Amino acid sequence: MKKNITILLLLLFVFKIGAFAQQKYGHINSNEVVKTMPEFKQMTDAVEKQKRDAQAKLQKMYDTYQTKQKELNQYGTSMMEAVREERVKELDTIQRQVTAFQQNASADIQKYQEKLLKPLNDKYLKVVGAVAKENGYTYIFDLASGAVVYSPESTGDISGLVKKKLGIN
C-alpha cells in the first residue's frame, strides 16, 4: 500500500514537471523589429517633415524678432518715448509667441508621432501574437521595454487570487 502511494506521488510529480516543461518562452526586440518595418520609414519621414516645417516657421519668428530688436537698438534713442515703449511691448509679445510656439510645436509633433506609430505597434503586436500561437509560445518578452508583449488570455493571471489573499473584493 505504501509502495502504491509512493508510486502515485512520483507519477503526479512527473506529470506536473511535464506540464511545466511544455511551456515555451520567447523574447523579441521590438525596437529592432519596428524600425525595420517599411511603414516606420514612412512615419519617420512624415515626422521629420513636420519638424522641418516647425523649425522653418520658428526661424521666421526669430528673424522677425531680431529685425525689430535691431531697429529698436539702432533708432530707439531717437524715437518718441511712446513709440519706443510700443516697440518694446511688441518685442515682448513676439518673444512670448516664440516660446509658446516652441512648446506647442514640440507637443504637436509628439502627438503626431504617437498617432502614426499606433498602427505600426498594433500590427506588430498582432503578428507577435500570431507567431506565438503558431509556435506554441506561452509568453513573449520584449527585450527593449522589459514588458510581456504576448501572454495567453486564459492562463497565468493570478490577480484574483492575490486580491482574495489581500482581502480585496
N, C-alpha and C. Protein backbone atom coordinates (compact mmCIF):
# COMPACT_ATOMS: atom_id res chain seq x y z
N MET A 1 0.82 -1.19 0.00
CA MET A 1 0.00 0.00 0.00
C MET A 1 0.87 1.26 0.00
N LYS A 2 1.89 1.24 0.86
CA LYS A 2 2.78 2.37 0.95
C LYS A 2 3.54 2.54 -0.37
N LYS A 3 3.87 1.43 -0.99
CA LYS A 3 4.58 1.45 -2.27
C LYS A 3 3.69 2.07 -3.35
N ASN A 4 2.39 1.73 -3.35
CA ASN A 4 1.46 2.30 -4.33
C ASN A 4 1.31 3.81 -4.17
N ILE A 5 1.26 4.27 -2.95
CA ILE A 5 1.14 5.72 -2.69
C ILE A 5 2.40 6.43 -3.16
N THR A 6 3.55 5.83 -2.90
CA THR A 6 4.81 6.44 -3.34
C THR A 6 4.87 6.52 -4.86
N ILE A 7 4.47 5.46 -5.52
CA ILE A 7 4.45 5.44 -6.99
C ILE A 7 3.46 6.48 -7.51
N LEU A 8 2.30 6.56 -6.89
CA LEU A 8 1.29 7.53 -7.31
C LEU A 8 1.81 8.97 -7.14
N LEU A 9 2.44 9.26 -6.01
CA LEU A 9 3.01 10.59 -5.80
C LEU A 9 4.13 10.88 -6.80
N LEU A 10 4.94 9.89 -7.09
CA LEU A 10 6.01 10.05 -8.06
C LEU A 10 5.45 10.34 -9.45
N LEU A 11 4.39 9.63 -9.84
CA LEU A 11 3.76 9.87 -11.14
C LEU A 11 3.15 11.27 -11.22
N LEU A 12 2.48 11.71 -10.15
CA LEU A 12 1.92 13.06 -10.12
C LEU A 12 3.02 14.11 -10.26
N PHE A 13 4.13 13.88 -9.58
CA PHE A 13 5.25 14.81 -9.65
C PHE A 13 5.81 14.87 -11.07
N VAL A 14 5.97 13.73 -11.72
CA VAL A 14 6.50 13.67 -13.09
C VAL A 14 5.54 14.36 -14.05
N PHE A 15 4.24 14.12 -13.90
CA PHE A 15 3.27 14.77 -14.78
C PHE A 15 3.27 16.29 -14.58
N LYS A 16 3.41 16.71 -13.34
CA LYS A 16 3.42 18.15 -13.05
C LYS A 16 4.65 18.80 -13.69
N ILE A 17 5.81 18.18 -13.59
CA ILE A 17 7.02 18.69 -14.22
C ILE A 17 6.84 18.71 -15.73
N GLY A 18 6.21 17.67 -16.27
CA GLY A 18 5.96 17.61 -17.71
C GLY A 18 5.09 18.75 -18.18
N ALA A 19 4.11 19.14 -17.37
CA ALA A 19 3.22 20.26 -17.73
C ALA A 19 4.01 21.56 -17.77
N PHE A 20 4.93 21.74 -16.81
CA PHE A 20 5.75 22.96 -16.82
C PHE A 20 6.74 22.95 -17.97
N ALA A 21 7.24 21.79 -18.33
CA ALA A 21 8.22 21.70 -19.41
C ALA A 21 7.59 22.05 -20.75
N GLN A 22 6.28 21.93 -20.86
CA GLN A 22 5.61 22.21 -22.12
C GLN A 22 5.47 23.71 -22.37
N GLN A 23 5.64 24.53 -21.36
CA GLN A 23 5.53 25.97 -21.57
C GLN A 23 6.77 26.46 -22.30
N LYS A 24 6.51 27.34 -23.25
CA LYS A 24 7.59 27.87 -24.07
C LYS A 24 7.64 29.38 -23.90
N TYR A 25 8.84 29.90 -23.67
CA TYR A 25 9.03 31.32 -23.50
C TYR A 25 9.92 31.82 -24.63
N GLY A 26 9.63 33.03 -25.08
CA GLY A 26 10.43 33.62 -26.14
C GLY A 26 10.70 35.08 -25.83
N HIS A 27 11.57 35.66 -26.62
CA HIS A 27 11.85 37.09 -26.46
C HIS A 27 11.99 37.73 -27.83
N ILE A 28 11.84 39.05 -27.84
CA ILE A 28 11.90 39.81 -29.08
C ILE A 28 12.43 41.20 -28.74
N ASN A 29 13.05 41.84 -29.70
CA ASN A 29 13.48 43.22 -29.53
C ASN A 29 12.57 44.08 -30.40
N SER A 30 11.58 44.69 -29.78
CA SER A 30 10.57 45.44 -30.54
C SER A 30 11.19 46.60 -31.31
N ASN A 31 12.18 47.27 -30.72
CA ASN A 31 12.81 48.39 -31.42
C ASN A 31 13.41 47.94 -32.74
N GLU A 32 14.10 46.84 -32.71
CA GLU A 32 14.74 46.31 -33.92
C GLU A 32 13.69 45.94 -34.97
N VAL A 33 12.64 45.28 -34.56
CA VAL A 33 11.61 44.82 -35.50
C VAL A 33 10.84 46.01 -36.08
N VAL A 34 10.37 46.90 -35.22
CA VAL A 34 9.56 48.03 -35.69
C VAL A 34 10.37 48.94 -36.61
N LYS A 35 11.64 49.16 -36.29
CA LYS A 35 12.47 50.03 -37.11
C LYS A 35 12.74 49.46 -38.50
N THR A 36 12.60 48.16 -38.66
CA THR A 36 12.81 47.55 -39.97
C THR A 36 11.53 47.45 -40.80
N MET A 37 10.41 47.81 -40.20
CA MET A 37 9.14 47.78 -40.95
C MET A 37 9.13 48.92 -41.96
N PRO A 38 8.64 48.67 -43.20
CA PRO A 38 8.60 49.73 -44.21
C PRO A 38 7.78 50.95 -43.75
N GLU A 39 6.73 50.71 -42.99
CA GLU A 39 5.88 51.80 -42.52
C GLU A 39 6.63 52.74 -41.58
N PHE A 40 7.66 52.21 -40.89
CA PHE A 40 8.42 53.02 -39.95
C PHE A 40 9.17 54.12 -40.68
N LYS A 41 9.75 53.79 -41.82
CA LYS A 41 10.47 54.78 -42.64
C LYS A 41 9.51 55.88 -43.09
N GLN A 42 8.31 55.49 -43.53
CA GLN A 42 7.32 56.48 -43.95
C GLN A 42 6.93 57.38 -42.78
N MET A 43 6.73 56.78 -41.61
CA MET A 43 6.36 57.54 -40.43
C MET A 43 7.48 58.50 -40.05
N THR A 44 8.70 58.03 -40.07
CA THR A 44 9.85 58.86 -39.72
C THR A 44 9.97 60.04 -40.68
N ASP A 45 9.78 59.79 -41.97
CA ASP A 45 9.85 60.87 -42.96
C ASP A 45 8.77 61.91 -42.70
N ALA A 46 7.56 61.47 -42.40
CA ALA A 46 6.46 62.41 -42.15
C ALA A 46 6.72 63.24 -40.90
N VAL A 47 7.25 62.62 -39.87
CA VAL A 47 7.54 63.35 -38.62
C VAL A 47 8.69 64.33 -38.86
N GLU A 48 9.70 63.91 -39.59
CA GLU A 48 10.82 64.81 -39.90
C GLU A 48 10.36 66.01 -40.71
N LYS A 49 9.43 65.80 -41.63
CA LYS A 49 8.89 66.92 -42.43
C LYS A 49 8.18 67.90 -41.51
N GLN A 50 7.39 67.39 -40.59
CA GLN A 50 6.69 68.28 -39.67
C GLN A 50 7.69 69.04 -38.80
N LYS A 51 8.76 68.38 -38.39
CA LYS A 51 9.79 69.06 -37.60
C LYS A 51 10.46 70.17 -38.41
N ARG A 52 10.77 69.87 -39.67
CA ARG A 52 11.40 70.89 -40.53
C ARG A 52 10.47 72.08 -40.74
N ASP A 53 9.19 71.80 -40.97
CA ASP A 53 8.21 72.89 -41.15
C ASP A 53 8.13 73.77 -39.91
N ALA A 54 8.09 73.14 -38.75
CA ALA A 54 8.03 73.90 -37.49
C ALA A 54 9.31 74.70 -37.29
N GLN A 55 10.44 74.10 -37.63
CA GLN A 55 11.72 74.79 -37.49
C GLN A 55 11.79 76.00 -38.41
N ALA A 56 11.26 75.86 -39.63
CA ALA A 56 11.26 76.98 -40.58
C ALA A 56 10.38 78.12 -40.06
N LYS A 57 9.22 77.78 -39.54
CA LYS A 57 8.33 78.81 -39.00
C LYS A 57 8.96 79.49 -37.79
N LEU A 58 9.61 78.70 -36.95
CA LEU A 58 10.27 79.24 -35.78
C LEU A 58 11.41 80.17 -36.19
N GLN A 59 12.13 79.80 -37.23
CA GLN A 59 13.23 80.63 -37.71
C GLN A 59 12.71 81.98 -38.22
N LYS A 60 11.57 81.95 -38.90
CA LYS A 60 10.95 83.21 -39.37
C LYS A 60 10.59 84.10 -38.17
N MET A 61 10.07 83.47 -37.13
CA MET A 61 9.71 84.24 -35.93
C MET A 61 10.97 84.85 -35.29
N TYR A 62 12.04 84.07 -35.22
CA TYR A 62 13.31 84.58 -34.68
C TYR A 62 13.82 85.75 -35.53
N ASP A 63 13.76 85.59 -36.84
CA ASP A 63 14.24 86.64 -37.74
C ASP A 63 13.45 87.93 -37.53
N THR A 64 12.14 87.81 -37.41
CA THR A 64 11.30 88.99 -37.17
C THR A 64 11.69 89.65 -35.85
N TYR A 65 11.88 88.85 -34.82
CA TYR A 65 12.27 89.37 -33.52
C TYR A 65 13.60 90.11 -33.61
N GLN A 66 14.58 89.47 -34.25
CA GLN A 66 15.91 90.08 -34.35
C GLN A 66 15.88 91.37 -35.15
N THR A 67 15.09 91.39 -36.22
CA THR A 67 14.99 92.60 -37.03
C THR A 67 14.40 93.75 -36.21
N LYS A 68 13.33 93.47 -35.50
CA LYS A 68 12.68 94.51 -34.69
C LYS A 68 13.58 94.95 -33.53
N GLN A 69 14.32 94.00 -32.96
CA GLN A 69 15.23 94.34 -31.87
C GLN A 69 16.38 95.22 -32.40
N LYS A 70 16.86 94.88 -33.57
CA LYS A 70 17.93 95.66 -34.18
C LYS A 70 17.46 97.10 -34.45
N GLU A 71 16.24 97.23 -34.97
CA GLU A 71 15.66 98.56 -35.22
C GLU A 71 15.57 99.36 -33.92
N LEU A 72 15.10 98.69 -32.88
CA LEU A 72 14.95 99.37 -31.58
C LEU A 72 16.31 99.82 -31.06
N ASN A 73 17.31 98.94 -31.17
CA ASN A 73 18.64 99.30 -30.69
C ASN A 73 19.24 100.44 -31.51
N GLN A 74 18.97 100.41 -32.81
CA GLN A 74 19.54 101.41 -33.70
C GLN A 74 18.85 102.77 -33.58
N TYR A 75 17.54 102.79 -33.55
CA TYR A 75 16.79 104.04 -33.59
C TYR A 75 16.05 104.35 -32.28
N GLY A 76 16.21 103.52 -31.30
CA GLY A 76 15.46 103.67 -30.05
C GLY A 76 15.68 104.99 -29.35
N THR A 77 16.88 105.47 -29.37
CA THR A 77 17.17 106.73 -28.65
C THR A 77 16.53 107.93 -29.35
N SER A 78 16.33 107.83 -30.66
CA SER A 78 15.74 108.97 -31.38
C SER A 78 14.21 108.87 -31.48
N MET A 79 13.64 107.76 -31.00
CA MET A 79 12.18 107.59 -31.06
C MET A 79 11.51 108.33 -29.91
N MET A 80 10.29 108.66 -30.14
CA MET A 80 9.50 109.23 -29.06
C MET A 80 9.29 108.15 -28.00
N GLU A 81 9.15 108.55 -26.77
CA GLU A 81 9.01 107.62 -25.64
C GLU A 81 7.86 106.64 -25.87
N ALA A 82 6.71 107.13 -26.31
CA ALA A 82 5.54 106.27 -26.53
C ALA A 82 5.79 105.25 -27.63
N VAL A 83 6.47 105.64 -28.68
CA VAL A 83 6.78 104.73 -29.80
C VAL A 83 7.77 103.66 -29.33
N ARG A 84 8.78 104.08 -28.57
CA ARG A 84 9.77 103.12 -28.06
C ARG A 84 9.10 102.10 -27.13
N GLU A 85 8.23 102.56 -26.24
CA GLU A 85 7.52 101.65 -25.35
C GLU A 85 6.65 100.67 -26.13
N GLU A 86 6.03 101.15 -27.20
CA GLU A 86 5.20 100.28 -28.05
C GLU A 86 6.07 99.21 -28.71
N ARG A 87 7.26 99.58 -29.16
CA ARG A 87 8.18 98.63 -29.80
C ARG A 87 8.68 97.59 -28.79
N VAL A 88 8.95 98.02 -27.57
CA VAL A 88 9.39 97.10 -26.52
C VAL A 88 8.27 96.10 -26.22
N LYS A 89 7.04 96.57 -26.12
CA LYS A 89 5.89 95.68 -25.90
C LYS A 89 5.75 94.69 -27.05
N GLU A 90 5.96 95.19 -28.26
CA GLU A 90 5.86 94.33 -29.44
C GLU A 90 6.92 93.22 -29.39
N LEU A 91 8.13 93.59 -28.98
CA LEU A 91 9.20 92.58 -28.83
C LEU A 91 8.85 91.55 -27.77
N ASP A 92 8.29 92.00 -26.67
CA ASP A 92 7.88 91.07 -25.60
C ASP A 92 6.80 90.11 -26.11
N THR A 93 5.87 90.64 -26.87
CA THR A 93 4.80 89.81 -27.43
C THR A 93 5.38 88.77 -28.36
N ILE A 94 6.29 89.18 -29.23
CA ILE A 94 6.91 88.23 -30.17
C ILE A 94 7.68 87.17 -29.40
N GLN A 95 8.38 87.57 -28.36
CA GLN A 95 9.15 86.61 -27.56
C GLN A 95 8.22 85.58 -26.90
N ARG A 96 7.09 86.02 -26.38
CA ARG A 96 6.12 85.09 -25.78
C ARG A 96 5.55 84.15 -26.85
N GLN A 97 5.30 84.70 -28.04
CA GLN A 97 4.79 83.87 -29.13
C GLN A 97 5.80 82.80 -29.55
N VAL A 98 7.07 83.18 -29.58
CA VAL A 98 8.13 82.21 -29.93
C VAL A 98 8.17 81.09 -28.90
N THR A 99 8.14 81.45 -27.63
CA THR A 99 8.18 80.46 -26.56
C THR A 99 6.96 79.54 -26.62
N ALA A 100 5.80 80.12 -26.80
CA ALA A 100 4.57 79.32 -26.89
C ALA A 100 4.61 78.41 -28.11
N PHE A 101 5.10 78.94 -29.23
CA PHE A 101 5.17 78.13 -30.44
C PHE A 101 6.10 76.94 -30.24
N GLN A 102 7.25 77.17 -29.61
CA GLN A 102 8.20 76.07 -29.35
C GLN A 102 7.55 74.97 -28.52
N GLN A 103 6.87 75.35 -27.47
CA GLN A 103 6.23 74.36 -26.59
C GLN A 103 5.12 73.62 -27.33
N ASN A 104 4.28 74.35 -28.03
CA ASN A 104 3.16 73.73 -28.74
C ASN A 104 3.64 72.85 -29.89
N ALA A 105 4.64 73.32 -30.62
CA ALA A 105 5.15 72.56 -31.75
C ALA A 105 5.74 71.23 -31.27
N SER A 106 6.46 71.27 -30.18
CA SER A 106 7.06 70.06 -29.64
C SER A 106 5.97 69.06 -29.22
N ALA A 107 4.96 69.54 -28.54
CA ALA A 107 3.85 68.67 -28.13
C ALA A 107 3.07 68.15 -29.33
N ASP A 108 2.84 69.01 -30.32
CA ASP A 108 2.11 68.59 -31.52
C ASP A 108 2.87 67.52 -32.29
N ILE A 109 4.18 67.69 -32.40
CA ILE A 109 4.99 66.70 -33.10
C ILE A 109 4.97 65.37 -32.36
N GLN A 110 5.04 65.43 -31.05
CA GLN A 110 4.97 64.21 -30.24
C GLN A 110 3.64 63.48 -30.45
N LYS A 111 2.54 64.22 -30.43
CA LYS A 111 1.21 63.63 -30.65
C LYS A 111 1.11 63.03 -32.05
N TYR A 112 1.63 63.75 -33.02
CA TYR A 112 1.60 63.29 -34.41
C TYR A 112 2.38 61.99 -34.55
N GLN A 113 3.55 61.92 -33.92
CA GLN A 113 4.37 60.72 -33.98
C GLN A 113 3.64 59.54 -33.31
N GLU A 114 3.02 59.78 -32.17
CA GLU A 114 2.28 58.72 -31.48
C GLU A 114 1.11 58.23 -32.32
N LYS A 115 0.44 59.18 -32.99
CA LYS A 115 -0.69 58.83 -33.85
C LYS A 115 -0.24 57.93 -35.01
N LEU A 116 0.91 58.26 -35.60
CA LEU A 116 1.42 57.46 -36.71
C LEU A 116 2.01 56.13 -36.25
N LEU A 117 2.53 56.10 -35.03
CA LEU A 117 3.17 54.89 -34.51
C LEU A 117 2.17 53.85 -34.04
N LYS A 118 0.98 54.28 -33.64
CA LYS A 118 -0.02 53.35 -33.11
C LYS A 118 -0.37 52.22 -34.08
N PRO A 119 -0.66 52.51 -35.37
CA PRO A 119 -0.97 51.40 -36.28
C PRO A 119 0.21 50.44 -36.46
N LEU A 120 1.44 50.95 -36.42
CA LEU A 120 2.62 50.09 -36.52
C LEU A 120 2.69 49.15 -35.34
N ASN A 121 2.50 49.72 -34.13
CA ASN A 121 2.54 48.89 -32.92
C ASN A 121 1.42 47.86 -32.91
N ASP A 122 0.23 48.27 -33.36
CA ASP A 122 -0.89 47.33 -33.41
C ASP A 122 -0.58 46.17 -34.35
N LYS A 123 -0.03 46.49 -35.51
CA LYS A 123 0.33 45.46 -36.49
C LYS A 123 1.40 44.54 -35.92
N TYR A 124 2.40 45.14 -35.30
CA TYR A 124 3.50 44.38 -34.69
C TYR A 124 2.98 43.42 -33.63
N LEU A 125 2.13 43.92 -32.72
CA LEU A 125 1.61 43.07 -31.65
C LEU A 125 0.72 41.96 -32.19
N LYS A 126 -0.05 42.25 -33.23
CA LYS A 126 -0.91 41.23 -33.85
C LYS A 126 -0.07 40.10 -34.43
N VAL A 127 1.01 40.47 -35.11
CA VAL A 127 1.88 39.46 -35.72
C VAL A 127 2.62 38.67 -34.64
N VAL A 128 3.09 39.35 -33.60
CA VAL A 128 3.75 38.65 -32.49
C VAL A 128 2.81 37.62 -31.89
N GLY A 129 1.57 38.01 -31.66
CA GLY A 129 0.58 37.09 -31.11
C GLY A 129 0.34 35.90 -32.02
N ALA A 130 0.24 36.15 -33.32
CA ALA A 130 0.03 35.05 -34.28
C ALA A 130 1.21 34.10 -34.29
N VAL A 131 2.43 34.65 -34.33
CA VAL A 131 3.63 33.80 -34.33
C VAL A 131 3.73 33.01 -33.04
N ALA A 132 3.42 33.64 -31.92
CA ALA A 132 3.48 32.95 -30.62
C ALA A 132 2.49 31.79 -30.58
N LYS A 133 1.27 32.01 -31.06
CA LYS A 133 0.27 30.94 -31.06
C LYS A 133 0.67 29.82 -32.00
N GLU A 134 1.13 30.17 -33.20
CA GLU A 134 1.52 29.16 -34.20
C GLU A 134 2.66 28.27 -33.70
N ASN A 135 3.55 28.86 -32.90
CA ASN A 135 4.73 28.12 -32.46
C ASN A 135 4.65 27.66 -31.02
N GLY A 136 3.50 27.82 -30.39
CA GLY A 136 3.26 27.27 -29.06
C GLY A 136 3.95 28.01 -27.93
N TYR A 137 4.21 29.31 -28.09
CA TYR A 137 4.82 30.07 -27.01
C TYR A 137 3.76 30.48 -25.99
N THR A 138 4.13 30.40 -24.72
CA THR A 138 3.25 30.81 -23.64
C THR A 138 3.40 32.30 -23.37
N TYR A 139 4.64 32.77 -23.34
CA TYR A 139 4.92 34.17 -23.09
C TYR A 139 6.03 34.64 -24.03
N ILE A 140 5.92 35.89 -24.49
CA ILE A 140 6.97 36.53 -25.27
C ILE A 140 7.35 37.82 -24.53
N PHE A 141 8.62 37.95 -24.23
CA PHE A 141 9.12 39.12 -23.51
C PHE A 141 9.82 40.05 -24.50
N ASP A 142 9.62 41.35 -24.30
CA ASP A 142 10.26 42.36 -25.15
C ASP A 142 11.54 42.83 -24.47
N LEU A 143 12.68 42.60 -25.12
CA LEU A 143 13.96 42.99 -24.55
C LEU A 143 14.13 44.51 -24.51
N ALA A 144 13.49 45.22 -25.43
CA ALA A 144 13.63 46.67 -25.50
C ALA A 144 12.91 47.37 -24.35
N SER A 145 11.73 46.88 -23.99
CA SER A 145 10.96 47.57 -22.96
C SER A 145 10.89 46.79 -21.64
N GLY A 146 11.22 45.52 -21.68
CA GLY A 146 11.11 44.70 -20.48
C GLY A 146 9.70 44.23 -20.20
N ALA A 147 8.79 44.49 -21.13
CA ALA A 147 7.38 44.13 -20.94
C ALA A 147 7.09 42.77 -21.57
N VAL A 148 5.97 42.21 -21.18
CA VAL A 148 5.47 41.00 -21.81
C VAL A 148 4.60 41.45 -22.99
N VAL A 149 4.97 41.06 -24.21
CA VAL A 149 4.20 41.50 -25.37
C VAL A 149 3.18 40.46 -25.81
N TYR A 150 3.31 39.25 -25.28
CA TYR A 150 2.30 38.24 -25.57
C TYR A 150 2.16 37.35 -24.36
N SER A 151 0.92 37.11 -24.00
CA SER A 151 0.59 36.11 -22.99
C SER A 151 -0.82 35.64 -23.29
N PRO A 152 -1.06 34.35 -23.10
CA PRO A 152 -2.42 33.87 -23.37
C PRO A 152 -3.41 34.49 -22.39
N GLU A 153 -4.56 34.81 -22.90
CA GLU A 153 -5.57 35.50 -22.08
C GLU A 153 -6.10 34.62 -20.96
N SER A 154 -6.10 33.32 -21.14
CA SER A 154 -6.80 32.45 -20.20
C SER A 154 -5.91 31.84 -19.13
N THR A 155 -4.59 31.98 -19.23
CA THR A 155 -3.75 31.29 -18.25
C THR A 155 -2.81 32.25 -17.55
N GLY A 156 -2.46 31.88 -16.35
CA GLY A 156 -1.41 32.58 -15.64
C GLY A 156 -1.82 33.83 -14.87
N ASP A 157 -3.05 34.31 -15.00
CA ASP A 157 -3.45 35.52 -14.29
C ASP A 157 -3.87 35.15 -12.87
N ILE A 158 -3.08 35.62 -11.91
CA ILE A 158 -3.37 35.31 -10.51
C ILE A 158 -3.90 36.53 -9.77
N SER A 159 -4.33 37.54 -10.49
CA SER A 159 -4.82 38.77 -9.86
C SER A 159 -5.93 38.49 -8.87
N GLY A 160 -6.88 37.67 -9.25
CA GLY A 160 -8.00 37.33 -8.36
C GLY A 160 -7.54 36.64 -7.09
N LEU A 161 -6.58 35.73 -7.22
CA LEU A 161 -6.07 35.03 -6.04
C LEU A 161 -5.34 35.99 -5.10
N VAL A 162 -4.56 36.90 -5.66
CA VAL A 162 -3.82 37.87 -4.84
C VAL A 162 -4.81 38.81 -4.14
N LYS A 163 -5.83 39.26 -4.86
CA LYS A 163 -6.84 40.14 -4.25
C LYS A 163 -7.55 39.42 -3.11
N LYS A 164 -7.87 38.16 -3.32
CA LYS A 164 -8.55 37.38 -2.29
C LYS A 164 -7.66 37.26 -1.06
N LYS A 165 -6.40 37.00 -1.27
CA LYS A 165 -5.46 36.86 -0.15
C LYS A 165 -5.27 38.18 0.59
N LEU A 166 -5.39 39.30 -0.14
CA LEU A 166 -5.28 40.61 0.48
C LEU A 166 -6.57 41.07 1.12
N GLY A 167 -7.65 40.31 0.89
CA GLY A 167 -8.94 40.67 1.45
C GLY A 167 -9.67 41.73 0.63
N ILE A 168 -9.31 41.84 -0.65
CA ILE A 168 -9.96 42.80 -1.55
C ILE A 168 -11.02 42.09 -2.35
N ASN A 169 -12.20 42.70 -2.45
CA ASN A 169 -13.27 42.06 -3.23
C ASN A 169 -13.15 42.35 -4.68
